[in-house]
Amino acid sequence: MSSISRIFTSIWQRYTQFVHRKPLIAKMATTGTLMAGGDLIAQFIEQKIQTREERAPRFIWDGKRTGRLSLYGAGILGPSLHYWYCIILDDIIGDNKKCMGIDCLFFSC
């Protein structure tokens, strides 16, 4: 195993241990991080498209927008998804189709 794969394996093991020890906090941090990363990518793509039209010189990052999305992910979306899946997985054990149907019907709207 290469040193890079050992590093990623170690990071992944620590992350999964953290998820098992403190699931809500881990999901909040994960959701906030993914939302921030997704917004950064979206801003880059938006500005790339505008650059073709307007000849803008460089990427300008909107940190407030990224911060708002990250806080929304960590403070609202992460906890609500955590509790939502706790509820439907505890109440509907073993029926994946029913679980997916309820999730699509109520939470995705």
C-alpha atoms as a PDB file:
ATOM      1  CA  MET A   1       0.000   0.000   0.000  1.00  0.00           C
ATOM      2  CA  SER A   2       1.395   3.387  -0.951  1.00  0.00           C
ATOM      3  CA  SER A   3       1.874   6.169   1.561  1.00  0.00           C
ATOM      4  CA  ILE A   4      -0.925   8.226  -0.019  1.00  0.00           C
ATOM      5  CA  SER A   5      -3.439   5.412   0.304  1.00  0.00           C
ATOM      6  CA  ARG A   6      -2.341   4.854   3.921  1.00  0.00           C
ATOM      7  CA  ILE A   7      -2.969   8.534   4.646  1.00  0.00           C
ATOM      8  CA  PHE A   8      -6.451   8.424   3.103  1.00  0.00           C
ATOM      9  CA  THR A   9      -7.217   5.158   4.889  1.00  0.00           C
ATOM     10  CA  SER A  10      -6.180   6.712   8.197  1.00  0.00           C
ATOM     11  CA  ILE A  11      -8.304   9.812   7.546  1.00  0.00           C
ATOM     12  CA  TRP A  12     -11.296   7.663   6.601  1.00  0.00           C
ATOM     13  CA  GLN A  13     -10.932   5.491   9.718  1.00  0.00           C
ATOM     14  CA  ARG A  14     -10.804   8.556  11.952  1.00  0.00           C
ATOM     15  CA  TYR A  15     -13.821  10.034  10.211  1.00  0.00           C
ATOM     16  CA  THR A  16     -15.898   6.855  10.632  1.00  0.00           C
ATOM     17  CA  GLN A  17     -14.901   6.646  14.303  1.00  0.00           C
ATOM     18  CA  PHE A  18     -16.017  10.257  14.731  1.00  0.00           C
ATOM     19  CA  VAL A  19     -19.338   9.498  13.013  1.00  0.00           C
ATOM     20  CA  HIS A  20     -19.942   6.591  15.406  1.00  0.00           C
ATOM     21  CA  ARG A  21     -18.949   8.586  18.500  1.00  0.00           C
ATOM     22  CA  LYS A  22     -20.744  11.856  17.679  1.00  0.00           C
ATOM     23  CA  PRO A  23     -23.073  11.244  14.729  1.00  0.00           C
ATOM     24  CA  LEU A  24     -24.959  14.549  14.803  1.00  0.00           C
ATOM     25  CA  ILE A  25     -21.848  16.743  15.036  1.00  0.00           C
ATOM     26  CA  ALA A  26     -20.096  14.706  12.337  1.00  0.00           C
ATOM     27  CA  LYS A  27     -23.064  15.030   9.992  1.00  0.00           C
ATOM     28  CA  MET A  28     -23.304  18.756  10.658  1.00  0.00           C
ATOM     29  CA  ALA A  29     -19.615  19.230   9.852  1.00  0.00           C
ATOM     30  CA  THR A  30     -19.836  17.024   6.775  1.00  0.00           C
ATOM     31  CA  THR A  31     -22.915  18.772   5.400  1.00  0.00           C
ATOM     32  CA  GLY A  32     -21.456  22.233   6.010  1.00  0.00           C
ATOM     33  CA  THR A  33     -18.185  21.270   4.324  1.00  0.00           C
ATOM     34  CA  LEU A  34     -19.906  19.702   1.320  1.00  0.00           C
ATOM     35  CA  MET A  35     -22.201  22.705   0.920  1.00  0.00           C
ATOM     36  CA  ALA A  36     -19.215  25.091   1.024  1.00  0.00           C
ATOM     37  CA  GLY A  37     -17.300  22.987  -1.493  1.00  0.00           C
ATOM     38  CA  GLY A  38     -20.295  22.727  -3.785  1.00  0.00           C
ATOM     39  CA  ASP A  39     -20.847  26.472  -3.670  1.00  0.00           C
ATOM     40  CA  LEU A  40     -17.203  27.146  -4.448  1.00  0.00           C
ATOM     41  CA  ILE A  41     -17.420  24.892  -7.510  1.00  0.00           C
ATOM     42  CA  ALA A  42     -20.703  26.537  -8.554  1.00  0.00           C
ATOM     43  CA  GLN A  43     -19.186  30.014  -8.275  1.00  0.00           C
ATOM     44  CA  PHE A  44     -16.199  28.943 -10.342  1.00  0.00           C
ATOM     45  CA  ILE A  45     -18.456  27.516 -13.086  1.00  0.00           C
ATOM     46  CA  GLU A  46     -20.726  30.583 -13.039  1.00  0.00           C
ATOM     47  CA  GLN A  47     -17.770  32.901 -13.443  1.00  0.00           C
ATOM     48  CA  LYS A  48     -16.205  30.733 -16.156  1.00  0.00           C
ATOM     49  CA  ILE A  49     -19.412  31.095 -18.177  1.00  0.00           C
ATOM     50  CA  GLN A  50     -19.508  34.859 -17.534  1.00  0.00           C
ATOM     51  CA  THR A  51     -15.819  35.153 -18.409  1.00  0.00           C
ATOM     52  CA  ARG A  52     -16.539  33.878 -21.906  1.00  0.00           C
ATOM     53  CA  GLU A  53     -19.242  36.502 -22.362  1.00  0.00           C
ATOM     54  CA  GLU A  54     -17.714  39.496 -20.571  1.00  0.00           C
ATOM     55  CA  ARG A  55     -13.969  38.752 -20.628  1.00  0.00           C
ATOM     56  CA  ALA A  56     -13.654  39.081 -16.833  1.00  0.00           C
ATOM     57  CA  PRO A  57     -10.002  38.766 -15.815  1.00  0.00           C
ATOM     58  CA  ARG A  58     -10.050  36.344 -12.853  1.00  0.00           C
ATOM     59  CA  PHE A  59     -12.079  34.369 -10.345  1.00  0.00           C
ATOM     60  CA  ILE A  60     -13.631  36.453  -7.559  1.00  0.00           C
ATOM     61  CA  TRP A  61     -14.825  34.384  -4.614  1.00  0.00           C
ATOM     62  CA  ASP A  62     -18.010  35.446  -2.770  1.00  0.00           C
ATOM     63  CA  GLY A  63     -17.095  34.357   0.756  1.00  0.00           C
ATOM     64  CA  LYS A  64     -20.339  35.588   2.310  1.00  0.00           C
ATOM     65  CA  ARG A  65     -22.375  33.401  -0.032  1.00  0.00           C
ATOM     66  CA  THR A  66     -20.207  30.373   0.714  1.00  0.00           C
ATOM     67  CA  GLY A  67     -20.416  31.094   4.438  1.00  0.00           C
ATOM     68  CA  ARG A  68     -24.203  31.357   4.359  1.00  0.00           C
ATOM     69  CA  LEU A  69     -24.547  28.079   2.507  1.00  0.00           C
ATOM     70  CA  SER A  70     -22.092  26.361   4.818  1.00  0.00           C
ATOM     71  CA  LEU A  71     -23.943  27.603   7.906  1.00  0.00           C
ATOM     72  CA  TYR A  72     -27.255  26.516   6.397  1.00  0.00           C
ATOM     73  CA  GLY A  73     -25.831  23.062   5.734  1.00  0.00           C
ATOM     74  CA  ALA A  74     -24.274  22.700   9.170  1.00  0.00           C
ATOM     75  CA  GLY A  75     -27.034  24.361  11.172  1.00  0.00           C
ATOM     76  CA  ILE A  76     -30.238  23.362   9.431  1.00  0.00           C
ATOM     77  CA  LEU A  77     -29.856  20.746   6.716  1.00  0.00           C
ATOM     78  CA  GLY A  78     -27.388  18.432   8.509  1.00  0.00           C
ATOM     79  CA  PRO A  79     -29.386  18.120  11.745  1.00  0.00           C
ATOM     80  CA  SER A  80     -32.747  17.857  10.004  1.00  0.00           C
ATOM     81  CA  LEU A  81     -31.485  15.091   7.710  1.00  0.00           C
ATOM     82  CA  HIS A  82     -29.911  13.298  10.677  1.00  0.00           C
ATOM     83  CA  TYR A  83     -33.168  13.223  12.615  1.00  0.00           C
ATOM     84  CA  TRP A  84     -35.265  12.567   9.530  1.00  0.00           C
ATOM     85  CA  TYR A  85     -33.302   9.432   8.668  1.00  0.00           C
ATOM     86  CA  CYS A  86     -33.291   8.337  12.317  1.00  0.00           C
ATOM     87  CA  ILE A  87     -37.073   8.510  12.278  1.00  0.00           C
ATOM     88  CA  ILE A  88     -37.725   6.726   9.000  1.00  0.00           C
ATOM     89  CA  LEU A  89     -35.004   4.109   9.483  1.00  0.00           C
ATOM     90  CA  ASP A  90     -36.141   3.291  13.032  1.00  0.00           C
ATOM     91  CA  ASP A  91     -39.810   3.085  12.078  1.00  0.00           C
ATOM     92  CA  ILE A  92     -39.399   1.276   8.753  1.00  0.00           C
ATOM     93  CA  ILE A  93     -36.621  -1.255   9.264  1.00  0.00           C
ATOM     94  CA  GLY A  94     -35.851  -3.577   6.380  1.00  0.00           C
ATOM     95  CA  ASP A  95     -38.211  -2.113   3.775  1.00  0.00           C
ATOM     96  CA  ASN A  96     -35.919  -0.038   1.566  1.00  0.00           C
ATOM     97  CA  LYS A  97     -38.552   0.696  -1.086  1.00  0.00           C
ATOM     98  CA  LYS A  98     -41.029   1.990   1.481  1.00  0.00           C
ATOM     99  CA  CYS A  99     -38.271   4.023   3.176  1.00  0.00           C
ATOM    100  CA  MET A 100     -37.207   5.562  -0.132  1.00  0.00           C
ATOM    101  CA  GLY A 101     -40.825   6.308  -1.058  1.00  0.00           C
ATOM    102  CA  ILE A 102     -41.507   8.104   2.220  1.00  0.00           C
ATOM    103  CA  ASP A 103     -38.250  10.036   1.881  1.00  0.00           C
ATOM    104  CA  CYS A 104     -39.081  11.150  -1.655  1.00  0.00           C
ATOM    105  CA  LEU A 105     -42.662  11.993  -0.763  1.00  0.00           C
ATOM    106  CA  PHE A 106     -42.024  14.110   2.332  1.00  0.00           C
ATOM    107  CA  PHE A 107     -38.443  15.386   2.533  1.00  0.00           C
ATOM    108  CA  SER A 108     -37.546  16.075  -1.078  1.00  0.00           C
ATOM    109  CA  CYS A 109     -40.370  18.547  -1.662  1.00  0.00           C
END
